[in-house]
Amino acid sequence: MPSSRPDNSATRKRQPGDEPCDFAQLGLDFSAVSEYSIVPRKEMEIMNNELFETLENKVTDLLGKYAALKDENASLTEENQRFLAEREGLKTRVDAILDKLEGI
């Protein structure tokens, strides 16, 4: 029957000799710390530089596209104003023609 008392065996501090050194014995596949590859600092700097260059290129492209869209927007706004003015002129002409027809 399980006890309701807390198990204090897991909370006690382990001594270096307490834990098994052969992880395969436990069915675990751990590598020793010395087996991990550590990326040299120069390679990390090269990677960081490449990442910053890529980011810089993307930002430059984005700014170029923004400028192009801004110019296109200004052009389209100007064209829209021209069409609105033309529409008003045509509306005035149609109203004048309708007034002449009513007089006939």
PDB file of N, CA and C in Angstrom:
ATOM      1  N   MET A   1       0.853  -1.167   0.000  1.00  0.00           N
ATOM      2  CA  MET A   1       0.000   0.000   0.000  1.00  0.00           C
ATOM      3  C   MET A   1       0.900   1.232   0.000  1.00  0.00           C
ATOM      4  N   PRO A   2       0.644   2.200  -0.908  1.00  0.00           N
ATOM      5  CA  PRO A   2       1.497   3.384  -0.977  1.00  0.00           C
ATOM      6  C   PRO A   2       1.351   4.242   0.265  1.00  0.00           C
ATOM      7  N   SER A   3       2.438   4.854   0.601  1.00  0.00           N
ATOM      8  CA  SER A   3       2.455   5.709   1.787  1.00  0.00           C
ATOM      9  C   SER A   3       2.069   7.126   1.391  1.00  0.00           C
ATOM     10  N   SER A   4       1.423   7.850   2.298  1.00  0.00           N
ATOM     11  CA  SER A   4       1.058   9.240   2.030  1.00  0.00           C
ATOM     12  C   SER A   4       2.186  10.183   2.434  1.00  0.00           C
ATOM     13  N   ARG A   5       3.261   9.631   2.962  1.00  0.00           N
ATOM     14  CA  ARG A   5       4.403  10.447   3.362  1.00  0.00           C
ATOM     15  C   ARG A   5       5.245  10.759   2.125  1.00  0.00           C
ATOM     16  N   PRO A   6       5.758  11.992   2.040  1.00  0.00           N
ATOM     17  CA  PRO A   6       6.571  12.353   0.878  1.00  0.00           C
ATOM     18  C   PRO A   6       7.867  11.562   0.841  1.00  0.00           C
ATOM     19  N   ASP A   7       8.314  11.278  -0.375  1.00  0.00           N
ATOM     20  CA  ASP A   7       9.542  10.521  -0.572  1.00  0.00           C
ATOM     21  C   ASP A   7      10.713  11.498  -0.560  1.00  0.00           C
ATOM     22  N   ASN A   8      11.511  11.467   0.479  1.00  0.00           N
ATOM     23  CA  ASN A   8      12.636  12.387   0.623  1.00  0.00           C
ATOM     24  C   ASN A   8      13.897  11.854  -0.035  1.00  0.00           C
ATOM     25  N   SER A   9      13.862  10.669  -0.575  1.00  0.00           N
ATOM     26  CA  SER A   9      15.079  10.102  -1.156  1.00  0.00           C
ATOM     27  C   SER A   9      15.482  10.849  -2.430  1.00  0.00           C
ATOM     28  N   ALA A  10      14.532  11.429  -3.152  1.00  0.00           N
ATOM     29  CA  ALA A  10      14.852  12.158  -4.385  1.00  0.00           C
ATOM     30  C   ALA A  10      15.387  13.548  -4.093  1.00  0.00           C
ATOM     31  N   THR A  11      15.106  14.065  -2.896  1.00  0.00           N
ATOM     32  CA  THR A  11      15.527  15.434  -2.587  1.00  0.00           C
ATOM     33  C   THR A  11      16.897  15.487  -1.928  1.00  0.00           C
ATOM     34  N   ARG A  12      17.431  14.365  -1.545  1.00  0.00           N
ATOM     35  CA  ARG A  12      18.748  14.408  -0.913  1.00  0.00           C
ATOM     36  C   ARG A  12      19.797  14.690  -1.977  1.00  0.00           C
ATOM     37  N   LYS A  13      20.864  15.334  -1.578  1.00  0.00           N
ATOM     38  CA  LYS A  13      21.930  15.693  -2.511  1.00  0.00           C
ATOM     39  C   LYS A  13      22.693  14.445  -2.909  1.00  0.00           C
ATOM     40  N   ARG A  14      22.966  14.373  -4.206  1.00  0.00           N
ATOM     41  CA  ARG A  14      23.722  13.224  -4.702  1.00  0.00           C
ATOM     42  C   ARG A  14      25.214  13.505  -4.583  1.00  0.00           C
ATOM     43  N   GLN A  15      25.908  12.497  -4.228  1.00  0.00           N
ATOM     44  CA  GLN A  15      27.359  12.569  -4.183  1.00  0.00           C
ATOM     45  C   GLN A  15      27.892  12.126  -5.541  1.00  0.00           C
ATOM     46  N   PRO A  16      29.070  12.624  -5.941  1.00  0.00           N
ATOM     47  CA  PRO A  16      29.610  12.246  -7.247  1.00  0.00           C
ATOM     48  C   PRO A  16      29.692  10.741  -7.456  1.00  0.00           C
ATOM     49  N   GLY A  17      29.892   9.981  -6.442  1.00  0.00           N
ATOM     50  CA  GLY A  17      30.001   8.532  -6.594  1.00  0.00           C
ATOM     51  C   GLY A  17      28.663   7.830  -6.611  1.00  0.00           C
ATOM     52  N   ASP A  18      27.554   8.535  -6.317  1.00  0.00           N
ATOM     53  CA  ASP A  18      26.225   7.926  -6.245  1.00  0.00           C
ATOM     54  C   ASP A  18      25.660   7.559  -7.601  1.00  0.00           C
ATOM     55  N   GLU A  19      25.871   8.386  -8.625  1.00  0.00           N
ATOM     56  CA  GLU A  19      25.215   8.125  -9.907  1.00  0.00           C
ATOM     57  C   GLU A  19      26.090   7.251 -10.791  1.00  0.00           C
ATOM     58  N   PRO A  20      25.473   6.404 -11.567  1.00  0.00           N
ATOM     59  CA  PRO A  20      26.254   5.513 -12.424  1.00  0.00           C
ATOM     60  C   PRO A  20      26.890   6.302 -13.564  1.00  0.00           C
ATOM     61  N   CYS A  21      28.080   5.926 -13.932  1.00  0.00           N
ATOM     62  CA  CYS A  21      28.802   6.605 -15.015  1.00  0.00           C
ATOM     63  C   CYS A  21      28.476   5.987 -16.371  1.00  0.00           C
ATOM     64  N   ASP A  22      27.982   4.791 -16.390  1.00  0.00           N
ATOM     65  CA  ASP A  22      27.687   4.116 -17.651  1.00  0.00           C
ATOM     66  C   ASP A  22      26.202   4.291 -17.965  1.00  0.00           C
ATOM     67  N   PHE A  23      25.883   5.298 -18.810  1.00  0.00           N
ATOM     68  CA  PHE A  23      24.484   5.586 -19.127  1.00  0.00           C
ATOM     69  C   PHE A  23      23.862   4.489 -19.990  1.00  0.00           C
ATOM     70  N   ALA A  24      24.674   3.762 -20.737  1.00  0.00           N
ATOM     71  CA  ALA A  24      24.153   2.668 -21.560  1.00  0.00           C
ATOM     72  C   ALA A  24      23.539   1.603 -20.669  1.00  0.00           C
ATOM     73  N   GLN A  25      24.083   1.477 -19.468  1.00  0.00           N
ATOM     74  CA  GLN A  25      23.570   0.511 -18.517  1.00  0.00           C
ATOM     75  C   GLN A  25      22.117   0.839 -18.160  1.00  0.00           C
ATOM     76  N   LEU A  26      21.773   2.123 -18.175  1.00  0.00           N
ATOM     77  CA  LEU A  26      20.420   2.554 -17.856  1.00  0.00           C
ATOM     78  C   LEU A  26      19.511   2.566 -19.084  1.00  0.00           C
ATOM     79  N   GLY A  27      20.070   2.285 -20.242  1.00  0.00           N
ATOM     80  CA  GLY A  27      19.272   2.297 -21.466  1.00  0.00           C
ATOM     81  C   GLY A  27      19.157   3.694 -22.055  1.00  0.00           C
ATOM     82  N   LEU A  28      20.021   4.601 -21.629  1.00  0.00           N
ATOM     83  CA  LEU A  28      19.996   5.969 -22.133  1.00  0.00           C
ATOM     84  C   LEU A  28      21.179   6.189 -23.058  1.00  0.00           C
ATOM     85  N   ASP A  29      20.986   7.057 -24.040  1.00  0.00           N
ATOM     86  CA  ASP A  29      22.032   7.325 -25.013  1.00  0.00           C
ATOM     87  C   ASP A  29      22.526   8.756 -24.829  1.00  0.00           C
ATOM     88  N   PHE A  30      23.351   8.975 -23.831  1.00  0.00           N
ATOM     89  CA  PHE A  30      23.907  10.296 -23.575  1.00  0.00           C
ATOM     90  C   PHE A  30      25.342  10.345 -24.070  1.00  0.00           C
ATOM     91  N   SER A  31      25.733  11.519 -24.525  1.00  0.00           N
ATOM     92  CA  SER A  31      27.127  11.726 -24.904  1.00  0.00           C
ATOM     93  C   SER A  31      27.814  12.495 -23.794  1.00  0.00           C
ATOM     94  N   ALA A  32      29.067  12.223 -23.625  1.00  0.00           N
ATOM     95  CA  ALA A  32      29.822  12.975 -22.634  1.00  0.00           C
ATOM     96  C   ALA A  32      29.994  14.395 -23.124  1.00  0.00           C
ATOM     97  N   VAL A  33      30.160  15.332 -22.219  1.00  0.00           N
ATOM     98  CA  VAL A  33      30.271  16.750 -22.565  1.00  0.00           C
ATOM     99  C   VAL A  33      31.411  16.979 -23.542  1.00  0.00           C
ATOM    100  N   SER A  34      32.501  16.269 -23.391  1.00  0.00           N
ATOM    101  CA  SER A  34      33.664  16.478 -24.252  1.00  0.00           C
ATOM    102  C   SER A  34      33.375  16.066 -25.700  1.00  0.00           C
ATOM    103  N   GLU A  35      32.320  15.274 -25.945  1.00  0.00           N
ATOM    104  CA  GLU A  35      31.995  14.831 -27.305  1.00  0.00           C
ATOM    105  C   GLU A  35      31.167  15.852 -28.084  1.00  0.00           C
ATOM    106  N   TYR A  36      30.613  16.850 -27.410  1.00  0.00           N
ATOM    107  CA  TYR A  36      29.839  17.865 -28.110  1.00  0.00           C
ATOM    108  C   TYR A  36      30.763  18.747 -28.926  1.00  0.00           C
ATOM    109  N   SER A  37      30.304  19.102 -30.124  1.00  0.00           N
ATOM    110  CA  SER A  37      31.140  19.985 -30.941  1.00  0.00           C
ATOM    111  C   SER A  37      30.841  21.432 -30.565  1.00  0.00           C
ATOM    112  N   ILE A  38      31.867  22.192 -30.409  1.00  0.00           N
ATOM    113  CA  ILE A  38      31.734  23.605 -30.077  1.00  0.00           C
ATOM    114  C   ILE A  38      32.170  24.390 -31.299  1.00  0.00           C
ATOM    115  N   VAL A  39      31.258  25.247 -31.790  1.00  0.00           N
ATOM    116  CA  VAL A  39      31.546  26.030 -32.978  1.00  0.00           C
ATOM    117  C   VAL A  39      32.572  27.097 -32.614  1.00  0.00           C
ATOM    118  N   PRO A  40      33.653  27.169 -33.369  1.00  0.00           N
ATOM    119  CA  PRO A  40      34.642  28.210 -33.073  1.00  0.00           C
ATOM    120  C   PRO A  40      34.046  29.598 -33.230  1.00  0.00           C
ATOM    121  N   ARG A  41      34.580  30.541 -32.523  1.00  0.00           N
ATOM    122  CA  ARG A  41      34.057  31.903 -32.495  1.00  0.00           C
ATOM    123  C   ARG A  41      34.089  32.551 -33.871  1.00  0.00           C
ATOM    124  N   LYS A  42      35.145  32.313 -34.654  1.00  0.00           N
ATOM    125  CA  LYS A  42      35.246  32.929 -35.978  1.00  0.00           C
ATOM    126  C   LYS A  42      34.096  32.479 -36.878  1.00  0.00           C
ATOM    127  N   GLU A  43      33.761  31.207 -36.819  1.00  0.00           N
ATOM    128  CA  GLU A  43      32.655  30.705 -37.638  1.00  0.00           C
ATOM    129  C   GLU A  43      31.338  31.340 -37.216  1.00  0.00           C
ATOM    130  N   MET A  44      31.173  31.569 -35.919  1.00  0.00           N
ATOM    131  CA  MET A  44      29.948  32.212 -35.460  1.00  0.00           C
ATOM    132  C   MET A  44      29.892  33.651 -35.971  1.00  0.00           C
ATOM    133  N   GLU A  45      31.051  34.341 -35.969  1.00  0.00           N
ATOM    134  CA  GLU A  45      31.085  35.708 -36.477  1.00  0.00           C
ATOM    135  C   GLU A  45      30.751  35.734 -37.960  1.00  0.00           C
ATOM    136  N   ILE A  46      31.268  34.760 -38.716  1.00  0.00           N
ATOM    137  CA  ILE A  46      30.976  34.691 -40.153  1.00  0.00           C
ATOM    138  C   ILE A  46      29.489  34.453 -40.355  1.00  0.00           C
ATOM    139  N   MET A  47      28.907  33.533 -39.550  1.00  0.00           N
ATOM    140  CA  MET A  47      27.467  33.275 -39.658  1.00  0.00           C
ATOM    141  C   MET A  47      26.675  34.530 -39.320  1.00  0.00           C
ATOM    142  N   ASN A  48      27.072  35.222 -38.260  1.00  0.00           N
ATOM    143  CA  ASN A  48      26.366  36.443 -37.871  1.00  0.00           C
ATOM    144  C   ASN A  48      26.479  37.492 -38.961  1.00  0.00           C
ATOM    145  N   ASN A  49      27.659  37.636 -39.551  1.00  0.00           N
ATOM    146  CA  ASN A  49      27.834  38.603 -40.635  1.00  0.00           C
ATOM    147  C   ASN A  49      26.955  38.247 -41.826  1.00  0.00           C
ATOM    148  N   GLU A  50      26.885  36.961 -42.150  1.00  0.00           N
ATOM    149  CA  GLU A  50      26.029  36.533 -43.266  1.00  0.00           C
ATOM    150  C   GLU A  50      24.567  36.832 -42.963  1.00  0.00           C
ATOM    151  N   LEU A  51      24.154  36.583 -41.724  1.00  0.00           N
ATOM    152  CA  LEU A  51      22.770  36.859 -41.341  1.00  0.00           C
ATOM    153  C   LEU A  51      22.476  38.349 -41.429  1.00  0.00           C
ATOM    154  N   PHE A  52      23.417  39.182 -40.962  1.00  0.00           N
ATOM    155  CA  PHE A  52      23.214  40.630 -41.029  1.00  0.00           C
ATOM    156  C   PHE A  52      23.209  41.117 -42.475  1.00  0.00           C
ATOM    157  N   GLU A  53      24.056  40.535 -43.328  1.00  0.00           N
ATOM    158  CA  GLU A  53      24.057  40.921 -44.739  1.00  0.00           C
ATOM    159  C   GLU A  53      22.733  40.545 -45.399  1.00  0.00           C
ATOM    160  N   THR A  54      22.236  39.359 -45.083  1.00  0.00           N
ATOM    161  CA  THR A  54      20.944  38.932 -45.621  1.00  0.00           C
ATOM    162  C   THR A  54      19.838  39.863 -45.143  1.00  0.00           C
ATOM    163  N   LEU A  55      19.849  40.181 -43.871  1.00  0.00           N
ATOM    164  CA  LEU A  55      18.847  41.092 -43.312  1.00  0.00           C
ATOM    165  C   LEU A  55      18.964  42.470 -43.955  1.00  0.00           C
ATOM    166  N   GLU A  56      20.197  42.944 -44.123  1.00  0.00           N
ATOM    167  CA  GLU A  56      20.408  44.256 -44.743  1.00  0.00           C
ATOM    168  C   GLU A  56      19.884  44.272 -46.180  1.00  0.00           C
ATOM    169  N   ASN A  57      20.132  43.183 -46.922  1.00  0.00           N
ATOM    170  CA  ASN A  57      19.632  43.096 -48.299  1.00  0.00           C
ATOM    171  C   ASN A  57      18.110  43.106 -48.330  1.00  0.00           C
ATOM    172  N   LYS A  58      17.503  42.388 -47.415  1.00  0.00           N
ATOM    173  CA  LYS A  58      16.042  42.349 -47.371  1.00  0.00           C
ATOM    174  C   LYS A  58      15.462  43.718 -47.013  1.00  0.00           C
ATOM    175  N   VAL A  59      16.087  44.403 -46.065  1.00  0.00           N
ATOM    176  CA  VAL A  59      15.613  45.736 -45.681  1.00  0.00           C
ATOM    177  C   VAL A  59      15.789  46.703 -46.843  1.00  0.00           C
ATOM    178  N   THR A  60      16.923  46.625 -47.542  1.00  0.00           N
ATOM    179  CA  THR A  60      17.166  47.490 -48.700  1.00  0.00           C
ATOM    180  C   THR A  60      16.118  47.244 -49.785  1.00  0.00           C
ATOM    181  N   ASP A  61      15.829  45.961 -50.056  1.00  0.00           N
ATOM    182  CA  ASP A  61      14.790  45.636 -51.042  1.00  0.00           C
ATOM    183  C   ASP A  61      13.439  46.183 -50.606  1.00  0.00           C
ATOM    184  N   LEU A  62      13.134  46.021 -49.332  1.00  0.00           N
ATOM    185  CA  LEU A  62      11.862  46.498 -48.798  1.00  0.00           C
ATOM    186  C   LEU A  62      11.750  48.011 -48.942  1.00  0.00           C
ATOM    187  N   LEU A  63      12.824  48.733 -48.641  1.00  0.00           N
ATOM    188  CA  LEU A  63      12.805  50.191 -48.775  1.00  0.00           C
ATOM    189  C   LEU A  63      12.646  50.605 -50.235  1.00  0.00           C
ATOM    190  N   GLY A  64      13.277  49.865 -51.145  1.00  0.00           N
ATOM    191  CA  GLY A  64      13.117  50.152 -52.568  1.00  0.00           C
ATOM    192  C   GLY A  64      11.678  49.948 -53.021  1.00  0.00           C
ATOM    193  N   LYS A  65      11.079  48.847 -52.576  1.00  0.00           N
ATOM    194  CA  LYS A  65       9.681  48.581 -52.928  1.00  0.00           C
ATOM    195  C   LYS A  65       8.760  49.627 -52.315  1.00  0.00           C
ATOM    196  N   TYR A  66       9.066  50.053 -51.087  1.00  0.00           N
ATOM    197  CA  TYR A  66       8.267  51.094 -50.432  1.00  0.00           C
ATOM    198  C   TYR A  66       8.317  52.395 -51.230  1.00  0.00           C
ATOM    199  N   ALA A  67       9.507  52.773 -51.668  1.00  0.00           N
ATOM    200  CA  ALA A  67       9.652  54.008 -52.445  1.00  0.00           C
ATOM    201  C   ALA A  67       8.888  53.899 -53.767  1.00  0.00           C
ATOM    202  N   ALA A  68       8.981  52.733 -54.430  1.00  0.00           N
ATOM    203  CA  ALA A  68       8.270  52.533 -55.691  1.00  0.00           C
ATOM    204  C   ALA A  68       6.758  52.615 -55.478  1.00  0.00           C
ATOM    205  N   LEU A  69       6.260  51.986 -54.415  1.00  0.00           N
ATOM    206  CA  LEU A  69       4.826  52.029 -54.122  1.00  0.00           C
ATOM    207  C   LEU A  69       4.373  53.442 -53.757  1.00  0.00           C
ATOM    208  N   LYS A  70       5.224  54.176 -53.060  1.00  0.00           N
ATOM    209  CA  LYS A  70       4.895  55.551 -52.706  1.00  0.00           C
ATOM    210  C   LYS A  70       4.776  56.410 -53.971  1.00  0.00           C
ATOM    211  N   ASP A  71       5.714  56.239 -54.908  1.00  0.00           N
ATOM    212  CA  ASP A  71       5.649  56.971 -56.181  1.00  0.00           C
ATOM    213  C   ASP A  71       4.411  56.575 -56.975  1.00  0.00           C
ATOM    214  N   GLU A  72       4.122  55.276 -57.009  1.00  0.00           N
ATOM    215  CA  GLU A  72       2.942  54.799 -57.739  1.00  0.00           C
ATOM    216  C   GLU A  72       1.665  55.359 -57.119  1.00  0.00           C
ATOM    217  N   ASN A  73       1.624  55.407 -55.795  1.00  0.00           N
ATOM    218  CA  ASN A  73       0.454  55.952 -55.105  1.00  0.00           C
ATOM    219  C   ASN A  73       0.254  57.424 -55.464  1.00  0.00           C
ATOM    220  N   ALA A  74       1.346  58.193 -55.478  1.00  0.00           N
ATOM    221  CA  ALA A  74       1.244  59.607 -55.838  1.00  0.00           C
ATOM    222  C   ALA A  74       0.758  59.754 -57.278  1.00  0.00           C
ATOM    223  N   SER A  75       1.271  58.926 -58.170  1.00  0.00           N
ATOM    224  CA  SER A  75       0.854  58.962 -59.576  1.00  0.00           C
ATOM    225  C   SER A  75      -0.629  58.611 -59.725  1.00  0.00           C
ATOM    226  N   LEU A  76      -1.057  57.574 -59.020  1.00  0.00           N
ATOM    227  CA  LEU A  76      -2.462  57.160 -59.099  1.00  0.00           C
ATOM    228  C   LEU A  76      -3.386  58.207 -58.480  1.00  0.00           C
ATOM    229  N   THR A  77      -2.955  58.861 -57.414  1.00  0.00           N
ATOM    230  CA  THR A  77      -3.758  59.921 -56.810  1.00  0.00           C
ATOM    231  C   THR A  77      -3.923  61.075 -57.791  1.00  0.00           C
ATOM    232  N   GLU A  78      -2.833  61.426 -58.467  1.00  0.00           N
ATOM    233  CA  GLU A  78      -2.889  62.501 -59.466  1.00  0.00           C
ATOM    234  C   GLU A  78      -3.814  62.118 -60.625  1.00  0.00           C
ATOM    235  N   GLU A  79      -3.712  60.869 -61.080  1.00  0.00           N
ATOM    236  CA  GLU A  79      -4.572  60.394 -62.171  1.00  0.00           C
ATOM    237  C   GLU A  79      -6.037  60.393 -61.744  1.00  0.00           C
ATOM    238  N   ASN A  80      -6.286  59.991 -60.497  1.00  0.00           N
ATOM    239  CA  ASN A  80      -7.650  59.974 -59.976  1.00  0.00           C
ATOM    240  C   ASN A  80      -8.228  61.393 -59.950  1.00  0.00           C
ATOM    241  N   GLN A  81      -7.427  62.359 -59.518  1.00  0.00           N
ATOM    242  CA  GLN A  81      -7.880  63.752 -59.501  1.00  0.00           C
ATOM    243  C   GLN A  81      -8.210  64.231 -60.913  1.00  0.00           C
ATOM    244  N   ARG A  82      -7.375  63.821 -61.869  1.00  0.00           N
ATOM    245  CA  ARG A  82      -7.615  64.215 -63.266  1.00  0.00           C
ATOM    246  C   ARG A  82      -8.922  63.598 -63.772  1.00  0.00           C
ATOM    247  N   PHE A  83      -9.173  62.340 -63.446  1.00  0.00           N
ATOM    248  CA  PHE A  83     -10.414  61.689 -63.868  1.00  0.00           C
ATOM    249  C   PHE A  83     -11.638  62.342 -63.219  1.00  0.00           C
ATOM    250  N   LEU A  84     -11.502  62.707 -61.951  1.00  0.00           N
ATOM    251  CA  LEU A  84     -12.624  63.373 -61.277  1.00  0.00           C
ATOM    252  C   LEU A  84     -12.935  64.715 -61.932  1.00  0.00           C
ATOM    253  N   ALA A  85     -11.895  65.463 -62.287  1.00  0.00           N
ATOM    254  CA  ALA A  85     -12.109  66.751 -62.949  1.00  0.00           C
ATOM    255  C   ALA A  85     -12.743  66.535 -64.331  1.00  0.00           C
ATOM    256  N   GLU A  86     -12.280  65.530 -65.044  1.00  0.00           N
ATOM    257  CA  GLU A  86     -12.836  65.220 -66.364  1.00  0.00           C
ATOM    258  C   GLU A  86     -14.304  64.814 -66.233  1.00  0.00           C
ATOM    259  N   ARG A  87     -14.606  64.029 -65.202  1.00  0.00           N
ATOM    260  CA  ARG A  87     -15.983  63.589 -64.966  1.00  0.00           C
ATOM    261  C   ARG A  87     -16.888  64.795 -64.710  1.00  0.00           C
ATOM    262  N   GLU A  88     -16.408  65.733 -63.891  1.00  0.00           N
ATOM    263  CA  GLU A  88     -17.206  66.931 -63.614  1.00  0.00           C
ATOM    264  C   GLU A  88     -17.457  67.720 -64.904  1.00  0.00           C
ATOM    265  N   GLY A  89     -16.433  67.804 -65.758  1.00  0.00           N
ATOM    266  CA  GLY A  89     -16.595  68.507 -67.036  1.00  0.00           C
ATOM    267  C   GLY A  89     -17.630  67.828 -67.916  1.00  0.00           C
ATOM    268  N   LEU A  90     -17.587  66.497 -67.990  1.00  0.00           N
ATOM    269  CA  LEU A  90     -18.557  65.753 -68.791  1.00  0.00           C
ATOM    270  C   LEU A  90     -19.966  65.888 -68.216  1.00  0.00           C
ATOM    271  N   LYS A  91     -20.047  65.865 -66.893  1.00  0.00           N
ATOM    272  CA  LYS A  91     -21.348  66.003 -66.234  1.00  0.00           C
ATOM    273  C   LYS A  91     -21.968  67.361 -66.580  1.00  0.00           C
ATOM    274  N   THR A  92     -21.159  68.399 -66.586  1.00  0.00           N
ATOM    275  CA  THR A  92     -21.635  69.748 -66.930  1.00  0.00           C
ATOM    276  C   THR A  92     -22.119  69.776 -68.378  1.00  0.00           C
ATOM    277  N   ARG A  93     -21.359  69.154 -69.275  1.00  0.00           N
ATOM    278  CA  ARG A  93     -21.750  69.128 -70.689  1.00  0.00           C
ATOM    279  C   ARG A  93     -23.053  68.356 -70.898  1.00  0.00           C
ATOM    280  N   VAL A  94     -23.200  67.199 -70.204  1.00  0.00           N
ATOM    281  CA  VAL A  94     -24.432  66.405 -70.329  1.00  0.00           C
ATOM    282  C   VAL A  94     -25.616  67.199 -69.797  1.00  0.00           C
ATOM    283  N   ASP A  95     -25.442  67.881 -68.673  1.00  0.00           N
ATOM    284  CA  ASP A  95     -26.522  68.705 -68.114  1.00  0.00           C
ATOM    285  C   ASP A  95     -26.923  69.817 -69.099  1.00  0.00           C
ATOM    286  N   ALA A  96     -25.935  70.405 -69.768  1.00  0.00           N
ATOM    287  CA  ALA A  96     -26.234  71.470 -70.744  1.00  0.00           C
ATOM    288  C   ALA A  96     -27.012  70.906 -71.924  1.00  0.00           C
ATOM    289  N   ILE A  97     -26.627  69.710 -72.403  1.00  0.00           N
ATOM    290  CA  ILE A  97     -27.347  69.075 -73.523  1.00  0.00           C
ATOM    291  C   ILE A  97     -28.773  68.751 -73.112  1.00  0.00           C
ATOM    292  N   LEU A  98     -28.962  68.218 -71.878  1.00  0.00           N
ATOM    293  CA  LEU A  98     -30.312  67.888 -71.405  1.00  0.00           C
ATOM    294  C   LEU A  98     -31.173  69.133 -71.281  1.00  0.00           C
ATOM    295  N   ASP A  99     -30.594  70.243 -70.861  1.00  0.00           N
ATOM    296  CA  ASP A  99     -31.334  71.503 -70.765  1.00  0.00           C
ATOM    297  C   ASP A  99     -31.784  71.955 -72.162  1.00  0.00           C
ATOM    298  N   LYS A 100     -30.931  71.789 -73.172  1.00  0.00           N
ATOM    299  CA  LYS A 100     -31.316  72.163 -74.558  1.00  0.00           C
ATOM    300  C   LYS A 100     -32.430  71.290 -75.060  1.00  0.00           C
ATOM    301  N   LEU A 101     -32.381  69.971 -74.723  1.00  0.00           N
ATOM    302  CA  LEU A 101     -33.400  69.060 -75.180  1.00  0.00           C
ATOM    303  C   LEU A 101     -34.758  69.371 -74.526  1.00  0.00           C
ATOM    304  N   GLU A 102     -34.750  69.798 -73.280  1.00  0.00           N
ATOM    305  CA  GLU A 102     -35.984  70.138 -72.589  1.00  0.00           C
ATOM    306  C   GLU A 102     -36.621  71.384 -73.242  1.00  0.00           C
ATOM    307  N   GLY A 103     -35.779  72.228 -73.788  1.00  0.00           N
ATOM    308  CA  GLY A 103     -36.317  73.455 -74.429  1.00  0.00           C
ATOM    309  C   GLY A 103     -36.930  73.182 -75.774  1.00  0.00           C
ATOM    310  N   ILE A 104     -36.679  72.047 -76.360  1.00  0.00           N
ATOM    311  CA  ILE A 104     -37.213  71.759 -77.687  1.00  0.00           C
ATOM    312  C   ILE A 104     -38.630  71.269 -77.630  1.00  0.00           C
TER     313      ILE A 104
END
